[in-house]
Amino acid sequence: MKGFKRENPLFSLCGLNCGLCSMHLGGHCGGCGFGNQSCPIARCSLEHGSIEYCFQCGEYPCERYEYIDEYDSFITHQKRKADLHKAQQCGIEKYNVEQKKKAEILDHLLDQYNDGRKKTLFCLAVNLLESDELEAIVKRADSETSEMPRKEKAAFVSALLQQHASENGFELKLKKRK
C-alpha cells in the first residue's frame, strides 16, 4: 500500500504479534499493506496520520475492534486487545523485549521439539502464554526429554502446553469462522 510503512516488525498496528507468527517466521508474510490484499486497518492508519499503533488513535477503540478477538486467521487474534493494552501501558520498547524473549522460546521449541507438525501449536502457545509460564514448561521439557527421539519430545512438550492451557481455561487451537 503506497505510503504505508512499519517500523516495528514484531508487533502490528492492530495488535498481532508478528514476530511470533508462522507466516512471518517462514518469510511468507507481506505484512500489513504489503501483500496482494491491503489491510483495511493499515489504510485506516494512513487516514489517521500514519499512526504506528491503533491505541495512538483518538478514536480507539473504534467499531473495528468490537469483535476483533473472536476469530483467528493463520495467527491467533485471541489477545489483540489485551496485547495492545499491554503495549500501551508498559511501552513499546518494553513490550518488544518481551516479544523477543518469546521469539527465542519459539525458536527453541521449533529447533528442539518440532516433529514437522507442531509449528502452529508452538506459535499459538507463545502468543497466548506468558514468558515465565513458557520458560517453566520448556525447562521441564528440556530436563525430561534429552534422551527421547524427536517425535516423543514433540508429544511430551505438546502435552505440557495443552495441559497448561486447559488448566487456565483456554485451548491451543485456532478459532475459525463456522
Protein backbone atom coordinates (compact mmCIF):
# COMPACT_ATOMS: atom_id res chain seq x y z
CA MET A 1 0.00 0.00 0.00
CA LYS A 2 1.52 3.28 -1.10
CA GLY A 3 2.79 5.40 1.76
CA PHE A 4 2.36 2.75 4.45
CA LYS A 5 5.48 1.83 6.42
CA ARG A 6 6.06 -0.25 9.55
CA GLU A 7 9.00 0.39 11.84
CA ASN A 8 8.30 -2.49 14.23
CA PRO A 9 8.40 -5.97 12.65
CA LEU A 10 7.43 -7.64 15.95
CA PHE A 11 4.06 -6.03 16.68
CA SER A 12 1.43 -4.88 14.19
CA LEU A 13 -0.60 -1.71 14.46
CA CYS A 14 -3.73 -3.79 15.22
CA GLY A 15 -2.20 -5.95 17.97
CA LEU A 16 -0.89 -9.04 16.19
CA ASN A 17 2.43 -10.38 17.43
CA CYS A 18 4.08 -10.64 14.02
CA GLY A 19 7.38 -11.93 15.41
CA LEU A 20 5.52 -14.98 16.75
CA CYS A 21 3.65 -15.81 13.55
CA SER A 22 4.30 -18.90 11.43
CA MET A 23 3.93 -16.89 8.19
CA HIS A 24 6.46 -14.29 9.35
CA LEU A 25 8.90 -16.98 10.50
CA GLY A 26 8.67 -18.73 7.15
CA GLY A 27 9.25 -15.48 5.25
CA HIS A 28 5.81 -15.68 3.62
CA CYS A 29 4.21 -12.60 5.18
CA GLY A 30 3.88 -9.47 3.13
CA GLY A 31 2.92 -7.65 6.31
CA CYS A 32 0.25 -5.03 6.79
CA GLY A 33 -0.45 -3.49 3.43
CA PHE A 34 2.45 -5.12 1.61
CA GLY A 35 0.82 -8.30 0.28
CA ASN A 36 -1.66 -8.81 -2.53
CA GLN A 37 -4.55 -7.60 -0.38
CA SER A 38 -4.09 -4.39 1.52
CA CYS A 39 -5.17 -4.33 5.12
CA PRO A 40 -8.14 -2.06 5.90
CA ILE A 41 -6.58 -1.21 9.27
CA ALA A 42 -3.37 -0.11 7.51
CA ARG A 43 -5.48 2.12 5.26
CA CYS A 44 -7.22 3.49 8.36
CA SER A 45 -3.81 4.24 9.90
CA LEU A 46 -2.88 6.34 6.86
CA GLU A 47 -6.20 8.18 7.10
CA HIS A 48 -5.44 8.99 10.75
CA GLY A 49 -1.97 10.46 10.33
CA SER A 50 0.05 7.26 9.83
CA ILE A 51 -0.18 6.17 13.44
CA GLU A 52 2.11 3.28 14.39
CA TYR A 53 -0.40 1.52 16.69
CA CYS A 54 -4.17 1.76 16.85
CA PHE A 55 -4.10 2.75 20.52
CA GLN A 56 -2.47 6.03 19.42
CA CYS A 57 -5.64 7.00 17.56
CA GLY A 58 -8.14 9.30 19.25
CA GLU A 59 -10.96 7.05 18.04
CA TYR A 60 -9.52 3.85 19.55
CA PRO A 61 -11.17 1.52 20.30
CA CYS A 62 -13.39 2.00 17.27
CA GLU A 63 -16.00 -0.28 15.71
CA ARG A 64 -13.23 -2.28 14.02
CA TYR A 65 -12.31 -3.64 17.46
CA GLU A 66 -15.79 -4.72 18.52
CA TYR A 67 -15.29 -8.38 17.51
CA ILE A 68 -11.58 -8.38 16.66
CA ASP A 69 -10.59 -11.18 19.08
CA GLU A 70 -13.40 -13.52 18.05
CA TYR A 71 -11.77 -15.47 15.19
CA ASP A 72 -8.23 -16.30 14.13
CA SER A 73 -6.57 -16.40 10.74
CA PHE A 74 -3.20 -18.17 10.34
CA ILE A 75 -2.19 -16.36 13.57
CA THR A 76 -4.22 -16.10 16.73
CA HIS A 77 -6.29 -12.96 17.23
CA GLN A 78 -7.43 -14.00 20.71
CA LYS A 79 -5.40 -11.43 22.65
CA ARG A 80 -5.16 -8.49 20.28
CA LYS A 81 -6.99 -6.02 22.51
CA ALA A 82 -5.16 -7.26 25.60
CA ASP A 83 -1.79 -7.08 23.83
CA LEU A 84 -2.47 -3.55 22.55
CA HIS A 85 -3.40 -2.53 26.09
CA LYS A 86 -0.27 -4.18 27.50
CA ALA A 87 1.94 -2.44 24.90
CA GLN A 88 0.26 0.89 25.62
CA GLN A 89 0.67 0.51 29.38
CA CYS A 90 4.26 -0.72 29.53
CA GLY A 91 5.54 1.00 26.38
CA ILE A 92 6.53 -0.46 23.03
CA GLU A 93 10.21 -0.90 23.91
CA LYS A 94 9.43 -2.99 26.98
CA TYR A 95 6.74 -4.90 25.06
CA ASN A 96 9.27 -5.67 22.30
CA VAL A 97 11.73 -7.03 24.88
CA GLU A 98 9.01 -9.47 25.96
CA GLN A 99 8.28 -10.38 22.32
CA LYS A 100 11.96 -11.03 21.62
CA LYS A 101 12.10 -13.30 24.66
CA LYS A 102 9.04 -15.18 23.40
CA ALA A 103 10.57 -15.40 19.90
CA GLU A 104 13.67 -17.03 21.43
CA ILE A 105 11.45 -19.55 23.22
CA LEU A 106 9.60 -20.21 19.96
CA ASP A 107 12.90 -20.74 18.13
CA HIS A 108 13.96 -23.21 20.83
CA LEU A 109 10.65 -25.09 20.64
CA LEU A 110 10.88 -25.32 16.85
CA ASP A 111 14.54 -26.32 16.92
CA GLN A 112 14.30 -28.94 19.67
CA TYR A 113 10.70 -30.18 19.64
CA ASN A 114 9.12 -29.73 16.23
CA ASP A 115 8.41 -33.05 14.58
CA GLY A 116 7.21 -31.26 11.45
CA ARG A 117 3.65 -30.91 12.75
CA LYS A 118 3.89 -28.54 15.71
CA LYS A 119 4.68 -25.09 14.27
CA THR A 120 1.11 -23.77 14.60
CA LEU A 121 0.76 -25.16 18.13
CA PHE A 122 4.04 -23.59 19.24
CA CYS A 123 3.15 -20.24 17.64
CA LEU A 124 -0.20 -20.31 19.44
CA ALA A 125 1.43 -21.20 22.75
CA VAL A 126 3.98 -18.38 22.66
CA ASN A 127 1.24 -15.92 21.74
CA LEU A 128 -1.19 -16.99 24.46
CA LEU A 129 1.05 -17.95 27.40
CA GLU A 130 3.21 -15.62 29.44
CA SER A 131 7.01 -15.84 29.16
CA ASP A 132 7.51 -17.20 32.65
CA GLU A 133 4.95 -19.94 32.01
CA LEU A 134 6.65 -20.87 28.75
CA GLU A 135 10.08 -20.86 30.35
CA ALA A 136 8.92 -23.24 33.09
CA ILE A 137 7.40 -25.63 30.56
CA VAL A 138 10.49 -25.57 28.32
CA LYS A 139 12.80 -26.04 31.31
CA ARG A 140 10.84 -29.12 32.38
CA ALA A 141 10.74 -30.49 28.84
CA ASP A 142 14.47 -29.91 28.36
CA SER A 143 15.29 -31.78 31.56
CA GLU A 144 12.92 -34.70 30.97
CA THR A 145 13.29 -35.34 27.24
CA SER A 146 17.01 -35.21 26.48
CA GLU A 147 17.19 -38.93 25.64
CA MET A 148 13.89 -39.14 23.76
CA PRO A 149 13.50 -39.32 19.99
CA ARG A 150 12.19 -36.14 18.34
CA LYS A 151 8.63 -37.46 17.91
CA GLU A 152 8.34 -38.33 21.63
CA LYS A 153 9.86 -34.99 22.62
CA ALA A 154 7.28 -33.22 20.44
CA ALA A 155 4.43 -35.17 22.02
CA PHE A 156 5.77 -34.50 25.54
CA VAL A 157 6.10 -30.73 25.20
CA SER A 158 2.80 -30.53 23.30
CA ALA A 159 1.05 -32.33 26.16
CA LEU A 160 2.60 -29.93 28.70
CA LEU A 161 1.46 -26.89 26.69
CA GLN A 162 -2.05 -28.30 26.17
CA GLN A 163 -2.35 -29.21 29.85
CA HIS A 164 -1.31 -25.72 30.92
CA ALA A 165 -3.80 -24.14 28.53
CA SER A 166 -6.60 -26.40 29.74
CA GLU A 167 -5.83 -25.66 33.40
CA ASN A 168 -6.03 -21.94 32.59
CA GLY A 169 -9.31 -22.11 30.68
CA PHE A 170 -8.25 -21.81 27.06
CA GLU A 171 -7.44 -24.00 24.09
CA LEU A 172 -4.35 -24.05 21.93
CA LYS A 173 -6.36 -24.18 18.74
CA LEU A 174 -7.06 -21.55 16.09
CA LYS A 175 -10.65 -20.32 16.27
CA LYS A 176 -12.03 -20.46 12.73
CA ARG A 177 -15.29 -18.99 11.48
CA LYS A 178 -18.02 -21.55 11.03
